Amino acid sequence: MRVLAIDYGTARCGVAVSDPSGTLARPLESVPPEPSAIVRLVGEQEAERVVVGLPVSLSGEEGDQARLSRAFAAELGDLLDVPVETYDERLTTKMAAETARRGARADEDSLAAAHLLESYLTSLVTGRGSDSGAGKAPPDA
């Protein structure tokens, strides 16, 4: 299953996509924070699911940015014919900065999306699951 991950921001969205087997995450070029840009990417990348990062504090509290991310995910859920979920993105920005310092070629927002996607894909294998559905419910497995 190919998954598209989004690190939502008000200036731009970092994005990453998995390989068709849902194993590897690859950062893509960041896009504007417009639903139409994500809808286009879902089609181009043939994504079967979208995961929007949910920025929560280390204590698990949600602030304004988390509310904006949930609203963006809900809007995408209304526009797309694939499931849209939110997923805890704690520490992905820090991991992206470390990856960038080691010479990664992608921008930090998309590196954060790739770390988010790696964590999400791992959770599917371990059964940890997503934070919550924001749009359409995932199909029965």
N, C-alpha and C. Protein backbone atom coordinates (compact mmCIF):
# COMPACT_ATOMS: atom_id res chain seq x y z
N MET A 1 0.84 -1.17 0.00
CA MET A 1 0.00 0.00 0.00
C MET A 1 0.89 1.24 0.00
N ARG A 2 0.67 2.12 -0.95
CA ARG A 2 1.45 3.36 -1.06
C ARG A 2 0.77 4.42 -0.18
N VAL A 3 1.56 5.02 0.72
CA VAL A 3 1.06 6.02 1.67
C VAL A 3 1.78 7.33 1.42
N LEU A 4 1.01 8.43 1.44
CA LEU A 4 1.56 9.77 1.34
C LEU A 4 1.47 10.41 2.72
N ALA A 5 2.60 10.92 3.22
CA ALA A 5 2.63 11.57 4.53
C ALA A 5 2.84 13.06 4.35
N ILE A 6 2.19 13.83 5.23
CA ILE A 6 2.24 15.28 5.15
C ILE A 6 2.66 15.85 6.49
N ASP A 7 3.69 16.70 6.45
CA ASP A 7 4.08 17.51 7.61
C ASP A 7 3.48 18.89 7.34
N TYR A 8 2.26 19.12 7.86
CA TYR A 8 1.51 20.33 7.54
C TYR A 8 2.13 21.55 8.20
N GLY A 9 2.22 22.61 7.43
CA GLY A 9 2.65 23.90 7.95
C GLY A 9 1.88 25.00 7.24
N THR A 10 1.78 26.15 7.87
CA THR A 10 1.02 27.23 7.26
C THR A 10 1.76 27.87 6.08
N ALA A 11 3.08 27.70 6.00
CA ALA A 11 3.86 28.23 4.88
C ALA A 11 4.06 27.19 3.78
N ARG A 12 4.25 25.94 4.16
CA ARG A 12 4.45 24.86 3.20
C ARG A 12 4.21 23.52 3.90
N CYS A 13 4.01 22.50 3.09
CA CYS A 13 3.82 21.15 3.60
C CYS A 13 4.98 20.29 3.13
N GLY A 14 5.65 19.65 4.07
CA GLY A 14 6.62 18.64 3.70
C GLY A 14 5.86 17.38 3.34
N VAL A 15 6.33 16.65 2.35
CA VAL A 15 5.64 15.44 1.92
C VAL A 15 6.64 14.31 1.68
N ALA A 16 6.15 13.12 1.90
CA ALA A 16 6.94 11.92 1.64
C ALA A 16 5.97 10.84 1.18
N VAL A 17 6.49 9.88 0.44
CA VAL A 17 5.66 8.80 -0.06
C VAL A 17 6.37 7.48 0.18
N SER A 18 5.57 6.45 0.41
CA SER A 18 6.16 5.12 0.59
C SER A 18 6.27 4.43 -0.77
N ASP A 19 7.05 3.37 -0.79
CA ASP A 19 7.10 2.52 -1.98
C ASP A 19 5.78 1.73 -2.01
N PRO A 20 5.47 1.05 -3.11
CA PRO A 20 4.20 0.33 -3.20
C PRO A 20 3.99 -0.73 -2.12
N SER A 21 5.07 -1.27 -1.58
CA SER A 21 4.92 -2.29 -0.55
C SER A 21 4.66 -1.68 0.83
N GLY A 22 4.75 -0.33 0.93
CA GLY A 22 4.54 0.32 2.23
C GLY A 22 5.67 0.07 3.19
N THR A 23 6.89 -0.06 2.66
CA THR A 23 8.05 -0.36 3.48
C THR A 23 9.01 0.81 3.63
N LEU A 24 9.31 1.48 2.51
CA LEU A 24 10.31 2.55 2.50
C LEU A 24 9.65 3.91 2.33
N ALA A 25 10.21 4.93 2.97
CA ALA A 25 9.71 6.30 2.85
C ALA A 25 10.70 7.14 2.07
N ARG A 26 10.18 7.94 1.13
CA ARG A 26 11.03 8.80 0.31
C ARG A 26 10.47 10.23 0.37
N PRO A 27 11.31 11.19 0.80
CA PRO A 27 10.83 12.57 0.82
C PRO A 27 10.66 13.10 -0.60
N LEU A 28 9.64 13.95 -0.77
CA LEU A 28 9.38 14.63 -2.03
C LEU A 28 9.61 16.11 -1.81
N GLU A 29 9.49 16.90 -2.85
CA GLU A 29 9.62 18.34 -2.71
C GLU A 29 8.40 18.90 -1.97
N SER A 30 8.65 19.84 -1.06
CA SER A 30 7.56 20.47 -0.32
C SER A 30 6.58 21.14 -1.28
N VAL A 31 5.32 21.24 -0.82
CA VAL A 31 4.27 21.87 -1.62
C VAL A 31 3.58 22.95 -0.80
N PRO A 32 2.85 23.84 -1.46
CA PRO A 32 2.09 24.84 -0.72
C PRO A 32 1.03 24.16 0.16
N PRO A 33 0.63 24.82 1.24
CA PRO A 33 -0.36 24.21 2.15
C PRO A 33 -1.79 24.34 1.61
N GLU A 34 -1.98 23.88 0.41
CA GLU A 34 -3.27 23.96 -0.26
C GLU A 34 -3.77 22.55 -0.53
N PRO A 35 -5.02 22.27 -0.17
CA PRO A 35 -5.55 20.92 -0.42
C PRO A 35 -5.40 20.47 -1.86
N SER A 36 -5.54 21.38 -2.82
CA SER A 36 -5.43 20.99 -4.22
C SER A 36 -4.05 20.43 -4.55
N ALA A 37 -3.00 20.94 -3.89
CA ALA A 37 -1.65 20.43 -4.12
C ALA A 37 -1.53 18.99 -3.63
N ILE A 38 -2.17 18.70 -2.50
CA ILE A 38 -2.12 17.33 -1.96
C ILE A 38 -2.97 16.40 -2.81
N VAL A 39 -4.14 16.86 -3.24
CA VAL A 39 -5.00 16.04 -4.10
C VAL A 39 -4.23 15.65 -5.36
N ARG A 40 -3.52 16.62 -5.94
CA ARG A 40 -2.71 16.34 -7.13
C ARG A 40 -1.64 15.29 -6.84
N LEU A 41 -0.94 15.44 -5.71
CA LEU A 41 0.11 14.49 -5.35
C LEU A 41 -0.43 13.09 -5.12
N VAL A 42 -1.59 13.00 -4.50
CA VAL A 42 -2.20 11.68 -4.26
C VAL A 42 -2.40 10.98 -5.59
N GLY A 43 -2.89 11.71 -6.58
CA GLY A 43 -3.08 11.11 -7.90
C GLY A 43 -1.76 10.76 -8.58
N GLU A 44 -0.81 11.71 -8.56
CA GLU A 44 0.48 11.47 -9.21
C GLU A 44 1.23 10.29 -8.59
N GLN A 45 1.17 10.19 -7.27
CA GLN A 45 1.92 9.15 -6.56
C GLN A 45 1.12 7.86 -6.39
N GLU A 46 -0.14 7.87 -6.84
CA GLU A 46 -1.04 6.72 -6.70
C GLU A 46 -1.14 6.26 -5.25
N ALA A 47 -1.25 7.24 -4.35
CA ALA A 47 -1.33 6.94 -2.92
C ALA A 47 -2.69 6.31 -2.59
N GLU A 48 -2.64 5.34 -1.69
CA GLU A 48 -3.85 4.66 -1.26
C GLU A 48 -4.29 5.09 0.14
N ARG A 49 -3.48 5.95 0.76
CA ARG A 49 -3.78 6.47 2.09
C ARG A 49 -2.95 7.73 2.29
N VAL A 50 -3.48 8.66 3.08
CA VAL A 50 -2.78 9.90 3.41
C VAL A 50 -2.69 9.99 4.93
N VAL A 51 -1.50 10.34 5.41
CA VAL A 51 -1.27 10.50 6.84
C VAL A 51 -0.78 11.93 7.06
N VAL A 52 -1.50 12.67 7.90
CA VAL A 52 -1.14 14.04 8.23
C VAL A 52 -0.54 14.03 9.63
N GLY A 53 0.66 14.60 9.76
CA GLY A 53 1.31 14.66 11.06
C GLY A 53 0.54 15.51 12.04
N LEU A 54 0.42 15.02 13.26
CA LEU A 54 -0.27 15.74 14.32
C LEU A 54 0.76 16.20 15.34
N PRO A 55 1.06 17.51 15.35
CA PRO A 55 2.08 18.01 16.28
C PRO A 55 1.53 18.17 17.69
N VAL A 56 1.93 17.28 18.56
CA VAL A 56 1.52 17.35 19.96
C VAL A 56 2.77 17.54 20.80
N SER A 57 2.57 18.10 22.00
CA SER A 57 3.71 18.31 22.88
C SER A 57 4.19 16.96 23.43
N LEU A 58 5.35 16.96 24.05
CA LEU A 58 5.86 15.71 24.62
C LEU A 58 4.91 15.14 25.67
N SER A 59 4.12 16.01 26.31
CA SER A 59 3.14 15.54 27.30
C SER A 59 1.86 15.04 26.65
N GLY A 60 1.75 15.22 25.32
CA GLY A 60 0.59 14.74 24.60
C GLY A 60 -0.50 15.79 24.40
N GLU A 61 -0.25 17.01 24.84
CA GLU A 61 -1.25 18.07 24.67
C GLU A 61 -1.22 18.62 23.26
N GLU A 62 -2.41 19.04 22.79
CA GLU A 62 -2.52 19.62 21.46
C GLU A 62 -2.67 21.12 21.56
N GLY A 63 -1.96 21.82 20.70
CA GLY A 63 -2.05 23.27 20.64
C GLY A 63 -2.70 23.72 19.36
N ASP A 64 -2.48 24.99 19.03
CA ASP A 64 -3.08 25.58 17.84
C ASP A 64 -2.66 24.86 16.55
N GLN A 65 -1.37 24.52 16.43
CA GLN A 65 -0.91 23.87 15.21
C GLN A 65 -1.55 22.49 15.04
N ALA A 66 -1.77 21.78 16.12
CA ALA A 66 -2.44 20.48 16.04
C ALA A 66 -3.88 20.66 15.55
N ARG A 67 -4.55 21.69 16.04
CA ARG A 67 -5.92 21.95 15.58
C ARG A 67 -5.93 22.29 14.08
N LEU A 68 -4.95 23.07 13.63
CA LEU A 68 -4.86 23.38 12.21
C LEU A 68 -4.60 22.11 11.38
N SER A 69 -3.74 21.24 11.88
CA SER A 69 -3.43 19.99 11.18
C SER A 69 -4.66 19.09 11.10
N ARG A 70 -5.41 19.01 12.19
CA ARG A 70 -6.65 18.20 12.18
C ARG A 70 -7.65 18.77 11.17
N ALA A 71 -7.78 20.09 11.13
CA ALA A 71 -8.71 20.72 10.19
C ALA A 71 -8.27 20.45 8.74
N PHE A 72 -6.97 20.54 8.48
CA PHE A 72 -6.44 20.26 7.15
C PHE A 72 -6.72 18.80 6.77
N ALA A 73 -6.49 17.89 7.69
CA ALA A 73 -6.75 16.47 7.43
C ALA A 73 -8.23 16.24 7.15
N ALA A 74 -9.09 16.89 7.90
CA ALA A 74 -10.54 16.73 7.69
C ALA A 74 -10.94 17.25 6.31
N GLU A 75 -10.36 18.38 5.91
CA GLU A 75 -10.65 18.93 4.58
C GLU A 75 -10.19 17.97 3.49
N LEU A 76 -8.99 17.40 3.66
CA LEU A 76 -8.51 16.42 2.69
C LEU A 76 -9.42 15.20 2.65
N GLY A 77 -9.89 14.78 3.82
CA GLY A 77 -10.78 13.62 3.88
C GLY A 77 -12.05 13.83 3.09
N ASP A 78 -12.52 15.08 3.04
CA ASP A 78 -13.72 15.39 2.27
C ASP A 78 -13.45 15.41 0.76
N LEU A 79 -12.20 15.68 0.38
CA LEU A 79 -11.84 15.82 -1.03
C LEU A 79 -11.32 14.54 -1.69
N LEU A 80 -10.79 13.65 -0.88
CA LEU A 80 -10.12 12.47 -1.43
C LEU A 80 -10.97 11.21 -1.30
N ASP A 81 -10.71 10.27 -2.19
CA ASP A 81 -11.38 8.97 -2.14
C ASP A 81 -10.52 7.92 -1.46
N VAL A 82 -9.49 8.35 -0.75
CA VAL A 82 -8.63 7.43 0.01
C VAL A 82 -8.72 7.83 1.48
N PRO A 83 -8.44 6.90 2.39
CA PRO A 83 -8.48 7.25 3.81
C PRO A 83 -7.46 8.32 4.15
N VAL A 84 -7.84 9.22 5.05
CA VAL A 84 -6.96 10.26 5.57
C VAL A 84 -6.94 10.13 7.08
N GLU A 85 -5.74 10.03 7.64
CA GLU A 85 -5.58 9.87 9.08
C GLU A 85 -4.60 10.91 9.61
N THR A 86 -4.66 11.14 10.91
CA THR A 86 -3.61 11.91 11.57
C THR A 86 -2.74 10.94 12.34
N TYR A 87 -1.50 11.35 12.55
CA TYR A 87 -0.56 10.49 13.27
C TYR A 87 0.42 11.36 14.04
N ASP A 88 0.70 10.97 15.26
CA ASP A 88 1.59 11.69 16.15
C ASP A 88 2.95 11.91 15.49
N GLU A 89 3.34 13.18 15.40
CA GLU A 89 4.62 13.49 14.75
C GLU A 89 5.68 14.00 15.72
N ARG A 90 5.51 13.71 16.99
CA ARG A 90 6.50 14.18 17.98
C ARG A 90 7.92 13.81 17.56
N LEU A 91 8.80 14.77 17.67
CA LEU A 91 10.24 14.64 17.45
C LEU A 91 10.65 14.49 15.99
N THR A 92 9.70 14.49 15.05
CA THR A 92 10.11 14.33 13.65
C THR A 92 10.88 15.54 13.14
N THR A 93 10.56 16.74 13.62
CA THR A 93 11.29 17.93 13.19
C THR A 93 12.73 17.88 13.68
N LYS A 94 12.92 17.43 14.90
CA LYS A 94 14.28 17.28 15.45
C LYS A 94 15.05 16.22 14.66
N MET A 95 14.40 15.10 14.36
CA MET A 95 15.07 14.05 13.59
C MET A 95 15.42 14.55 12.18
N ALA A 96 14.51 15.36 11.59
CA ALA A 96 14.77 15.90 10.25
C ALA A 96 15.97 16.83 10.26
N ALA A 97 16.08 17.65 11.29
CA ALA A 97 17.23 18.57 11.39
C ALA A 97 18.52 17.77 11.49
N GLU A 98 18.50 16.69 12.25
CA GLU A 98 19.70 15.85 12.38
C GLU A 98 20.03 15.18 11.05
N THR A 99 19.02 14.72 10.34
CA THR A 99 19.23 14.09 9.04
C THR A 99 19.79 15.11 8.04
N ALA A 100 19.28 16.33 8.08
CA ALA A 100 19.76 17.39 7.18
C ALA A 100 21.22 17.72 7.47
N ARG A 101 21.59 17.74 8.75
CA ARG A 101 22.99 18.02 9.10
C ARG A 101 23.92 16.94 8.58
N ARG A 102 23.41 15.74 8.40
CA ARG A 102 24.24 14.65 7.87
C ARG A 102 24.29 14.67 6.34
N GLY A 103 23.69 15.70 5.73
CA GLY A 103 23.84 15.87 4.29
C GLY A 103 22.68 15.39 3.44
N ALA A 104 21.52 15.16 4.01
CA ALA A 104 20.37 14.74 3.20
C ALA A 104 20.04 15.84 2.19
N ARG A 105 19.57 15.45 1.03
CA ARG A 105 19.31 16.41 -0.04
C ARG A 105 17.92 17.02 0.01
N ALA A 106 16.99 16.42 0.70
CA ALA A 106 15.62 16.94 0.77
C ALA A 106 15.53 18.07 1.79
N ASP A 107 14.48 18.90 1.65
CA ASP A 107 14.27 19.98 2.61
C ASP A 107 13.81 19.38 3.95
N GLU A 108 14.01 20.14 5.02
CA GLU A 108 13.71 19.62 6.36
C GLU A 108 12.24 19.27 6.55
N ASP A 109 11.33 20.02 5.93
CA ASP A 109 9.91 19.71 6.08
C ASP A 109 9.59 18.34 5.49
N SER A 110 10.15 18.05 4.34
CA SER A 110 9.89 16.74 3.72
C SER A 110 10.65 15.63 4.43
N LEU A 111 11.81 15.95 5.01
CA LEU A 111 12.51 14.95 5.83
C LEU A 111 11.66 14.62 7.05
N ALA A 112 11.03 15.63 7.64
CA ALA A 112 10.14 15.38 8.78
C ALA A 112 8.97 14.50 8.36
N ALA A 113 8.43 14.75 7.16
CA ALA A 113 7.34 13.91 6.65
C ALA A 113 7.83 12.48 6.45
N ALA A 114 9.06 12.31 5.99
CA ALA A 114 9.61 10.96 5.80
C ALA A 114 9.77 10.24 7.14
N HIS A 115 10.23 10.95 8.16
CA HIS A 115 10.34 10.33 9.49
C HIS A 115 8.95 9.97 10.03
N LEU A 116 7.98 10.86 9.82
CA LEU A 116 6.60 10.58 10.21
C LEU A 116 6.12 9.31 9.52
N LEU A 117 6.36 9.23 8.22
CA LEU A 117 5.91 8.09 7.44
C LEU A 117 6.59 6.80 7.91
N GLU A 118 7.88 6.85 8.18
CA GLU A 118 8.57 5.66 8.68
C GLU A 118 7.95 5.18 9.98
N SER A 119 7.66 6.11 10.87
CA SER A 119 7.04 5.77 12.15
C SER A 119 5.65 5.17 11.93
N TYR A 120 4.89 5.77 11.04
CA TYR A 120 3.55 5.27 10.74
C TYR A 120 3.61 3.86 10.16
N LEU A 121 4.49 3.64 9.19
CA LEU A 121 4.61 2.32 8.57
C LEU A 121 5.02 1.27 9.59
N THR A 122 5.93 1.63 10.49
CA THR A 122 6.32 0.72 11.56
C THR A 122 5.13 0.39 12.45
N SER A 123 4.29 1.39 12.73
CA SER A 123 3.13 1.16 13.59
C SER A 123 2.15 0.18 12.96
N LEU A 124 2.08 0.16 11.63
CA LEU A 124 1.20 -0.79 10.97
C LEU A 124 1.66 -2.22 11.20
N VAL A 125 2.98 -2.39 11.22
CA VAL A 125 3.55 -3.72 11.43
C VAL A 125 3.40 -4.15 12.89
N THR A 126 3.61 -3.18 13.80
CA THR A 126 3.57 -3.50 15.23
C THR A 126 2.17 -3.44 15.81
N GLY A 127 1.22 -2.89 15.04
CA GLY A 127 -0.15 -2.82 15.52
C GLY A 127 -0.45 -1.63 16.41
N ARG A 128 0.46 -0.64 16.45
CA ARG A 128 0.24 0.54 17.28
C ARG A 128 -0.87 1.42 16.73
N GLY A 129 -1.03 1.48 15.40
CA GLY A 129 -2.14 2.20 14.80
C GLY A 129 -1.95 3.70 14.73
N SER A 130 -2.96 4.38 14.19
CA SER A 130 -2.90 5.83 13.99
C SER A 130 -3.49 6.57 15.17
N ASP A 131 -3.30 7.88 15.15
CA ASP A 131 -3.87 8.73 16.20
C ASP A 131 -5.38 8.71 16.09
N SER A 132 -5.88 9.06 14.92
CA SER A 132 -7.31 9.06 14.71
C SER A 132 -7.60 9.22 13.26
N GLY A 133 -8.75 8.77 12.84
CA GLY A 133 -9.16 8.99 11.48
C GLY A 133 -9.64 10.41 11.35
N ALA A 134 -9.26 11.09 10.30
CA ALA A 134 -9.69 12.45 10.12
C ALA A 134 -10.67 12.57 8.98
N GLY A 135 -10.69 11.60 8.13
CA GLY A 135 -11.57 11.65 6.97
C GLY A 135 -12.32 10.36 6.88
N LYS A 136 -12.16 9.70 5.77
CA LYS A 136 -12.85 8.45 5.56
C LYS A 136 -12.20 7.33 6.35
N ALA A 137 -12.99 6.41 6.81
CA ALA A 137 -12.47 5.29 7.58
C ALA A 137 -11.67 4.37 6.68
N PRO A 138 -10.57 3.79 7.23
CA PRO A 138 -9.80 2.85 6.43
C PRO A 138 -10.65 1.63 6.08
N PRO A 139 -10.40 1.03 4.94
CA PRO A 139 -11.15 -0.16 4.58
C PRO A 139 -10.80 -1.31 5.52
N ASP A 140 -11.73 -2.23 5.64
CA ASP A 140 -11.47 -3.41 6.48
C ASP A 140 -10.32 -4.20 5.89
N ALA A 141 -9.44 -4.66 6.75
CA ALA A 141 -8.27 -5.42 6.28
C ALA A 141 -8.63 -6.85 6.02
